Amino acid sequence: MADKIRIGIIGAGGIFRARHLPGLAKIANAEVVAICNRSEESGRKIAGEFGLDPDIMVDPHALIAREDIHAVMIGTWPYRHCPFVLESLDAGKHTFVQARMAMDLREAKAMYAK
């Protein structure tokens, strides 16, 4: 069996709880190793809801910088998508961003170019 894909999540709100976390739970080779939310309390609550034991973080830049994370999933408010996507890609991570990926055409083009 291949190594697990180690995933860090930035902004685990409603869509992540309704769609993405249940979907990830069905993938044997995926492991959520870190959740970064605005507060440790909210991150712990989400981890508990899904029976996860990730590192709970509040600094998205520190999550992106972690060498043990292969993929970053971004579920923040849309105005934060572009900066986190660009930073994540610069760090060599596989990067997922949920719908409303960009605030405008300039951001969309910057993300596409990266």
N, C-alpha and C. Protein backbone atom coordinates (compact mmCIF):
# COMPACT_ATOMS: atom_id res chain seq x y z
N MET A 1 0.84 -1.19 0.00
CA MET A 1 0.00 0.00 0.00
C MET A 1 0.89 1.25 0.00
N ALA A 2 0.54 2.23 -0.79
CA ALA A 2 1.28 3.49 -0.84
C ALA A 2 1.12 4.25 0.46
N ASP A 3 2.07 5.16 0.70
CA ASP A 3 1.95 6.01 1.88
C ASP A 3 0.67 6.84 1.80
N LYS A 4 0.23 7.26 2.95
CA LYS A 4 -0.98 8.10 2.99
C LYS A 4 -0.67 9.51 2.51
N ILE A 5 -1.67 10.12 1.90
CA ILE A 5 -1.58 11.53 1.55
C ILE A 5 -1.95 12.31 2.80
N ARG A 6 -1.01 13.11 3.27
CA ARG A 6 -1.19 13.86 4.51
C ARG A 6 -1.74 15.24 4.17
N ILE A 7 -2.93 15.53 4.69
CA ILE A 7 -3.69 16.72 4.31
C ILE A 7 -3.78 17.70 5.46
N GLY A 8 -3.59 18.97 5.14
CA GLY A 8 -3.84 20.06 6.07
C GLY A 8 -5.01 20.87 5.56
N ILE A 9 -5.90 21.22 6.46
CA ILE A 9 -7.10 21.98 6.09
C ILE A 9 -7.03 23.36 6.71
N ILE A 10 -7.25 24.37 5.89
CA ILE A 10 -7.32 25.76 6.36
C ILE A 10 -8.76 26.22 6.18
N GLY A 11 -9.46 26.44 7.27
CA GLY A 11 -10.84 26.91 7.20
C GLY A 11 -11.82 25.77 6.99
N ALA A 12 -12.09 25.05 8.05
CA ALA A 12 -13.00 23.89 7.97
C ALA A 12 -14.40 24.30 8.41
N GLY A 13 -15.09 25.00 7.54
CA GLY A 13 -16.43 25.47 7.86
C GLY A 13 -17.51 24.52 7.37
N GLY A 14 -18.66 25.08 7.08
CA GLY A 14 -19.85 24.32 6.76
C GLY A 14 -19.72 23.37 5.58
N ILE A 15 -19.14 23.83 4.49
CA ILE A 15 -19.01 22.97 3.31
C ILE A 15 -18.04 21.83 3.59
N PHE A 16 -16.98 22.12 4.32
CA PHE A 16 -16.04 21.05 4.68
C PHE A 16 -16.73 20.00 5.54
N ARG A 17 -17.54 20.46 6.46
CA ARG A 17 -18.21 19.52 7.35
C ARG A 17 -19.30 18.73 6.62
N ALA A 18 -19.97 19.36 5.70
CA ALA A 18 -21.06 18.69 4.98
C ALA A 18 -20.56 17.80 3.85
N ARG A 19 -19.48 18.19 3.19
CA ARG A 19 -19.06 17.49 1.98
C ARG A 19 -17.65 16.90 2.04
N HIS A 20 -16.68 17.76 2.31
CA HIS A 20 -15.30 17.35 2.13
C HIS A 20 -14.80 16.37 3.19
N LEU A 21 -15.07 16.63 4.45
CA LEU A 21 -14.61 15.71 5.49
C LEU A 21 -15.28 14.34 5.38
N PRO A 22 -16.59 14.26 5.12
CA PRO A 22 -17.18 12.93 4.90
C PRO A 22 -16.57 12.22 3.68
N GLY A 23 -16.26 12.98 2.64
CA GLY A 23 -15.64 12.39 1.46
C GLY A 23 -14.23 11.88 1.75
N LEU A 24 -13.46 12.66 2.48
CA LEU A 24 -12.11 12.24 2.83
C LEU A 24 -12.12 10.98 3.69
N ALA A 25 -13.14 10.85 4.53
CA ALA A 25 -13.24 9.68 5.40
C ALA A 25 -13.37 8.38 4.59
N LYS A 26 -13.81 8.47 3.35
CA LYS A 26 -13.99 7.30 2.51
C LYS A 26 -12.73 6.92 1.73
N ILE A 27 -11.69 7.72 1.86
CA ILE A 27 -10.45 7.48 1.11
C ILE A 27 -9.42 6.90 2.07
N ALA A 28 -9.11 5.64 1.88
CA ALA A 28 -8.22 4.93 2.81
C ALA A 28 -6.83 5.55 2.89
N ASN A 29 -6.34 6.09 1.80
CA ASN A 29 -4.98 6.61 1.77
C ASN A 29 -4.89 8.10 2.05
N ALA A 30 -5.95 8.69 2.57
CA ALA A 30 -5.94 10.11 2.93
C ALA A 30 -6.00 10.24 4.44
N GLU A 31 -5.21 11.16 4.97
CA GLU A 31 -5.18 11.39 6.41
C GLU A 31 -5.15 12.89 6.68
N VAL A 32 -6.13 13.38 7.41
CA VAL A 32 -6.14 14.78 7.82
C VAL A 32 -5.22 14.90 9.03
N VAL A 33 -4.09 15.57 8.84
CA VAL A 33 -3.09 15.66 9.91
C VAL A 33 -3.10 17.01 10.61
N ALA A 34 -3.76 18.02 10.01
CA ALA A 34 -3.83 19.33 10.64
C ALA A 34 -5.09 20.05 10.19
N ILE A 35 -5.72 20.73 11.15
CA ILE A 35 -6.85 21.61 10.86
C ILE A 35 -6.50 22.97 11.42
N CYS A 36 -6.60 23.98 10.57
CA CYS A 36 -6.32 25.35 10.97
C CYS A 36 -7.61 26.15 10.85
N ASN A 37 -8.10 26.59 11.98
CA ASN A 37 -9.30 27.42 12.02
C ASN A 37 -8.97 28.69 12.79
N ARG A 38 -9.95 29.58 12.89
CA ARG A 38 -9.71 30.84 13.60
C ARG A 38 -9.39 30.65 15.07
N SER A 39 -9.92 29.59 15.65
CA SER A 39 -9.64 29.32 17.06
C SER A 39 -9.34 27.84 17.24
N GLU A 40 -8.54 27.54 18.26
CA GLU A 40 -8.27 26.14 18.58
C GLU A 40 -9.56 25.42 18.96
N GLU A 41 -10.42 26.13 19.66
CA GLU A 41 -11.69 25.53 20.10
C GLU A 41 -12.51 25.05 18.90
N SER A 42 -12.64 25.88 17.87
CA SER A 42 -13.44 25.47 16.71
C SER A 42 -12.76 24.33 15.95
N GLY A 43 -11.44 24.35 15.87
CA GLY A 43 -10.72 23.26 15.23
C GLY A 43 -10.91 21.95 15.97
N ARG A 44 -10.83 22.00 17.30
CA ARG A 44 -11.04 20.78 18.10
C ARG A 44 -12.46 20.26 17.95
N LYS A 45 -13.42 21.17 17.89
CA LYS A 45 -14.82 20.76 17.75
C LYS A 45 -15.03 20.00 16.44
N ILE A 46 -14.48 20.51 15.36
CA ILE A 46 -14.63 19.87 14.06
C ILE A 46 -13.92 18.51 14.06
N ALA A 47 -12.72 18.47 14.61
CA ALA A 47 -12.00 17.20 14.68
C ALA A 47 -12.82 16.17 15.46
N GLY A 48 -13.40 16.59 16.56
CA GLY A 48 -14.22 15.68 17.37
C GLY A 48 -15.44 15.19 16.65
N GLU A 49 -16.08 16.05 15.87
CA GLU A 49 -17.27 15.66 15.11
C GLU A 49 -16.98 14.51 14.16
N PHE A 50 -15.75 14.46 13.64
CA PHE A 50 -15.40 13.47 12.63
C PHE A 50 -14.45 12.40 13.16
N GLY A 51 -14.23 12.38 14.46
CA GLY A 51 -13.37 11.36 15.05
C GLY A 51 -11.93 11.45 14.58
N LEU A 52 -11.48 12.67 14.32
CA LEU A 52 -10.11 12.88 13.85
C LEU A 52 -9.21 13.28 15.01
N ASP A 53 -7.91 13.07 14.81
CA ASP A 53 -6.93 13.47 15.82
C ASP A 53 -5.81 14.27 15.15
N PRO A 54 -6.16 15.35 14.46
CA PRO A 54 -5.13 16.14 13.78
C PRO A 54 -4.49 17.14 14.74
N ASP A 55 -3.39 17.73 14.30
CA ASP A 55 -2.85 18.88 15.00
C ASP A 55 -3.84 20.02 14.78
N ILE A 56 -4.13 20.76 15.82
CA ILE A 56 -5.03 21.90 15.72
C ILE A 56 -4.16 23.16 15.69
N MET A 57 -4.37 23.96 14.66
CA MET A 57 -3.53 25.13 14.43
C MET A 57 -4.39 26.37 14.22
N VAL A 58 -3.79 27.52 14.43
CA VAL A 58 -4.46 28.78 14.14
C VAL A 58 -3.65 29.65 13.17
N ASP A 59 -2.48 29.20 12.78
CA ASP A 59 -1.61 29.94 11.86
C ASP A 59 -1.56 29.21 10.51
N PRO A 60 -2.29 29.71 9.51
CA PRO A 60 -2.31 29.02 8.22
C PRO A 60 -0.94 28.99 7.54
N HIS A 61 -0.12 30.00 7.78
CA HIS A 61 1.21 30.02 7.16
C HIS A 61 2.08 28.89 7.73
N ALA A 62 1.94 28.63 9.02
CA ALA A 62 2.68 27.53 9.64
C ALA A 62 2.21 26.18 9.09
N LEU A 63 0.91 26.04 8.85
CA LEU A 63 0.39 24.80 8.27
C LEU A 63 0.99 24.60 6.88
N ILE A 64 0.94 25.61 6.06
CA ILE A 64 1.46 25.51 4.69
C ILE A 64 2.95 25.18 4.69
N ALA A 65 3.68 25.69 5.65
CA ALA A 65 5.13 25.49 5.71
C ALA A 65 5.53 24.10 6.19
N ARG A 66 4.62 23.35 6.75
CA ARG A 66 4.96 22.03 7.29
C ARG A 66 5.42 21.08 6.18
N GLU A 67 6.56 20.48 6.38
CA GLU A 67 7.10 19.56 5.39
C GLU A 67 6.37 18.23 5.36
N ASP A 68 5.66 17.89 6.43
CA ASP A 68 4.97 16.61 6.50
C ASP A 68 3.58 16.64 5.86
N ILE A 69 3.17 17.79 5.35
CA ILE A 69 1.86 17.92 4.71
C ILE A 69 2.06 17.92 3.20
N HIS A 70 1.35 17.00 2.52
CA HIS A 70 1.46 16.88 1.07
C HIS A 70 0.45 17.75 0.32
N ALA A 71 -0.73 17.92 0.92
CA ALA A 71 -1.82 18.62 0.24
C ALA A 71 -2.50 19.58 1.22
N VAL A 72 -2.87 20.74 0.70
CA VAL A 72 -3.57 21.74 1.50
C VAL A 72 -4.95 21.95 0.88
N MET A 73 -5.96 21.86 1.72
CA MET A 73 -7.34 22.12 1.29
C MET A 73 -7.78 23.43 1.93
N ILE A 74 -8.25 24.35 1.11
CA ILE A 74 -8.58 25.70 1.56
C ILE A 74 -10.08 25.92 1.52
N GLY A 75 -10.65 26.19 2.68
CA GLY A 75 -12.09 26.40 2.78
C GLY A 75 -12.42 27.68 3.52
N THR A 76 -11.55 28.66 3.42
CA THR A 76 -11.78 29.94 4.08
C THR A 76 -12.81 30.76 3.31
N TRP A 77 -13.07 31.96 3.81
CA TRP A 77 -13.88 32.90 3.04
C TRP A 77 -13.15 33.20 1.74
N PRO A 78 -13.86 33.45 0.64
CA PRO A 78 -13.22 33.61 -0.66
C PRO A 78 -12.14 34.69 -0.74
N TYR A 79 -12.21 35.73 0.06
CA TYR A 79 -11.19 36.78 -0.04
C TYR A 79 -9.82 36.29 0.42
N ARG A 80 -9.76 35.13 1.08
CA ARG A 80 -8.49 34.55 1.51
C ARG A 80 -8.01 33.44 0.58
N HIS A 81 -8.82 33.01 -0.37
CA HIS A 81 -8.45 31.90 -1.23
C HIS A 81 -7.16 32.15 -2.00
N CYS A 82 -7.10 33.22 -2.76
CA CYS A 82 -5.96 33.47 -3.63
C CYS A 82 -4.64 33.52 -2.85
N PRO A 83 -4.53 34.30 -1.80
CA PRO A 83 -3.23 34.33 -1.09
C PRO A 83 -2.80 32.96 -0.57
N PHE A 84 -3.74 32.19 -0.04
CA PHE A 84 -3.38 30.87 0.47
C PHE A 84 -3.05 29.89 -0.65
N VAL A 85 -3.78 29.95 -1.76
CA VAL A 85 -3.48 29.09 -2.90
C VAL A 85 -2.07 29.37 -3.41
N LEU A 86 -1.75 30.63 -3.62
CA LEU A 86 -0.43 30.97 -4.14
C LEU A 86 0.67 30.54 -3.19
N GLU A 87 0.48 30.77 -1.90
CA GLU A 87 1.47 30.37 -0.90
C GLU A 87 1.63 28.85 -0.87
N SER A 88 0.53 28.14 -0.93
CA SER A 88 0.55 26.68 -0.90
C SER A 88 1.27 26.12 -2.13
N LEU A 89 0.96 26.65 -3.29
CA LEU A 89 1.63 26.20 -4.51
C LEU A 89 3.11 26.53 -4.48
N ASP A 90 3.47 27.70 -3.97
CA ASP A 90 4.88 28.06 -3.83
C ASP A 90 5.61 27.09 -2.91
N ALA A 91 4.90 26.54 -1.94
CA ALA A 91 5.49 25.58 -1.00
C ALA A 91 5.53 24.16 -1.59
N GLY A 92 5.06 24.01 -2.83
CA GLY A 92 5.11 22.71 -3.49
C GLY A 92 4.01 21.75 -3.08
N LYS A 93 2.93 22.28 -2.53
CA LYS A 93 1.82 21.43 -2.07
C LYS A 93 0.80 21.22 -3.18
N HIS A 94 0.17 20.05 -3.17
CA HIS A 94 -1.05 19.88 -3.95
C HIS A 94 -2.08 20.76 -3.25
N THR A 95 -2.88 21.47 -4.03
CA THR A 95 -3.76 22.48 -3.43
C THR A 95 -5.17 22.36 -3.96
N PHE A 96 -6.12 22.33 -3.03
CA PHE A 96 -7.55 22.29 -3.34
C PHE A 96 -8.17 23.54 -2.75
N VAL A 97 -9.00 24.20 -3.53
CA VAL A 97 -9.74 25.35 -3.01
C VAL A 97 -11.20 25.16 -3.41
N GLN A 98 -12.08 25.42 -2.46
CA GLN A 98 -13.50 25.20 -2.74
C GLN A 98 -14.06 26.30 -3.63
N ALA A 99 -15.31 26.14 -4.02
CA ALA A 99 -15.98 27.02 -4.98
C ALA A 99 -15.86 28.50 -4.60
N ARG A 100 -16.10 29.31 -5.57
CA ARG A 100 -15.79 30.75 -5.53
C ARG A 100 -14.29 30.89 -5.29
N MET A 101 -13.57 30.30 -6.21
CA MET A 101 -12.12 30.19 -6.04
C MET A 101 -11.43 31.55 -6.00
N ALA A 102 -11.93 32.53 -6.71
CA ALA A 102 -11.26 33.82 -6.79
C ALA A 102 -12.29 34.94 -6.63
N MET A 103 -11.80 36.07 -6.19
CA MET A 103 -12.68 37.23 -6.01
C MET A 103 -12.91 37.98 -7.33
N ASP A 104 -11.96 37.84 -8.25
CA ASP A 104 -12.07 38.55 -9.52
C ASP A 104 -11.17 37.89 -10.56
N LEU A 105 -11.20 38.41 -11.77
CA LEU A 105 -10.44 37.83 -12.87
C LEU A 105 -8.94 37.90 -12.61
N ARG A 106 -8.47 38.98 -12.01
CA ARG A 106 -7.04 39.13 -11.72
C ARG A 106 -6.57 37.99 -10.82
N GLU A 107 -7.32 37.71 -9.75
CA GLU A 107 -6.94 36.62 -8.87
C GLU A 107 -7.00 35.27 -9.57
N ALA A 108 -8.04 35.07 -10.36
CA ALA A 108 -8.17 33.81 -11.09
C ALA A 108 -6.99 33.59 -12.02
N LYS A 109 -6.56 34.62 -12.71
CA LYS A 109 -5.43 34.51 -13.62
C LYS A 109 -4.14 34.25 -12.86
N ALA A 110 -3.98 34.89 -11.71
CA ALA A 110 -2.76 34.67 -10.90
C ALA A 110 -2.71 33.22 -10.41
N MET A 111 -3.84 32.70 -9.98
CA MET A 111 -3.88 31.32 -9.50
C MET A 111 -3.64 30.35 -10.65
N TYR A 112 -4.24 30.62 -11.80
CA TYR A 112 -4.05 29.76 -12.96
C TYR A 112 -2.59 29.77 -13.42
N ALA A 113 -1.99 30.93 -13.44
CA ALA A 113 -0.60 31.05 -13.89
C ALA A 113 0.36 30.30 -12.96
N LYS A 114 0.06 30.31 -11.68
CA LYS A 114 0.93 29.64 -10.71
C LYS A 114 0.86 28.15 -10.91
